[in-house]
Amino acid sequence: MKDAFKLVSWLSIITVKRSIIIAAERVDADHAESPLDLTDQDFDQAIHELVVFGGTLTSNVLGFVEG
């Protein structure tokens, strides 16, 4: 059970980190001093990348069924 919790925690951290990177790439260089806004789309894209490129284990942990 501890291992599963660690894996889910790790995937959550990876998702947030990737979402921040996606949001930073979206921000215009002219507005670099403004706060970074994370959107639902940033998280959706990060999760999509994890599922598509993360393999079977990642998909199963996140609850996506391979089809």
Protein backbone atom coordinates (compact mmCIF):
# COMPACT_ATOMS: atom_id res chain seq x y z
CA MET A 1 0.00 0.00 0.00
CA LYS A 2 2.84 2.41 0.80
CA ASP A 3 4.39 1.76 -2.60
CA ALA A 4 1.13 2.58 -4.37
CA PHE A 5 0.80 5.80 -2.38
CA LYS A 6 4.38 6.76 -3.24
CA LEU A 7 3.73 6.10 -6.92
CA VAL A 8 0.53 8.17 -6.96
CA SER A 9 2.31 10.98 -5.09
CA TRP A 10 5.17 10.85 -7.56
CA LEU A 11 2.77 10.98 -10.52
CA SER A 12 0.97 13.95 -8.95
CA ILE A 13 4.23 15.84 -8.55
CA ILE A 14 5.24 15.04 -12.13
CA THR A 15 1.83 16.22 -13.38
CA VAL A 16 2.09 19.54 -11.52
CA LYS A 17 5.67 20.10 -12.69
CA ARG A 18 4.75 19.39 -16.31
CA SER A 19 1.69 21.67 -16.03
CA ILE A 20 3.93 24.50 -14.83
CA ILE A 21 6.27 23.96 -17.79
CA ILE A 22 3.33 23.96 -20.22
CA ALA A 23 1.98 27.19 -18.69
CA ALA A 24 5.42 28.81 -18.82
CA GLU A 25 5.75 27.92 -22.50
CA ARG A 26 2.36 29.53 -23.13
CA VAL A 27 3.28 32.86 -21.48
CA ASP A 28 4.43 35.63 -23.77
CA ALA A 29 7.98 36.84 -23.15
CA ASP A 30 6.66 40.41 -22.83
CA HIS A 31 4.64 39.37 -19.76
CA ALA A 32 7.44 37.44 -18.05
CA GLU A 33 7.05 39.45 -14.85
CA SER A 34 3.36 38.60 -14.44
CA PRO A 35 2.35 35.63 -12.26
CA LEU A 36 2.07 32.28 -13.95
CA ASP A 37 -1.54 31.13 -14.33
CA LEU A 38 -2.14 27.39 -14.49
CA THR A 39 -5.28 26.42 -16.36
CA ASP A 40 -7.29 23.23 -16.56
CA GLN A 41 -5.95 22.82 -20.08
CA ASP A 42 -2.37 22.82 -18.73
CA PHE A 43 -3.23 19.96 -16.37
CA ASP A 44 -5.21 18.13 -19.06
CA GLN A 45 -2.26 18.30 -21.42
CA ALA A 46 0.15 17.13 -18.72
CA ILE A 47 -2.07 14.16 -17.84
CA HIS A 48 -2.52 13.36 -21.52
CA GLU A 49 1.26 13.30 -21.99
CA LEU A 50 1.66 11.03 -18.96
CA VAL A 51 -0.95 8.60 -20.25
CA VAL A 52 0.25 8.58 -23.86
CA PHE A 53 3.98 8.48 -23.16
CA GLY A 54 4.02 7.05 -19.62
CA GLY A 55 3.30 3.43 -20.43
CA THR A 56 0.91 0.84 -19.07
CA LEU A 57 1.77 1.26 -15.39
CA THR A 58 1.17 5.00 -15.47
CA SER A 59 -2.12 4.54 -17.33
CA ASN A 60 -3.32 1.94 -14.82
CA VAL A 61 -2.38 4.07 -11.81
CA LEU A 62 -4.19 7.05 -13.28
CA GLY A 63 -7.25 4.87 -13.99
CA PHE A 64 -7.20 4.91 -17.78
CA VAL A 65 -8.17 1.74 -19.59
CA GLU A 66 -6.19 0.84 -22.67
CA GLY A 67 -8.46 0.44 -25.64
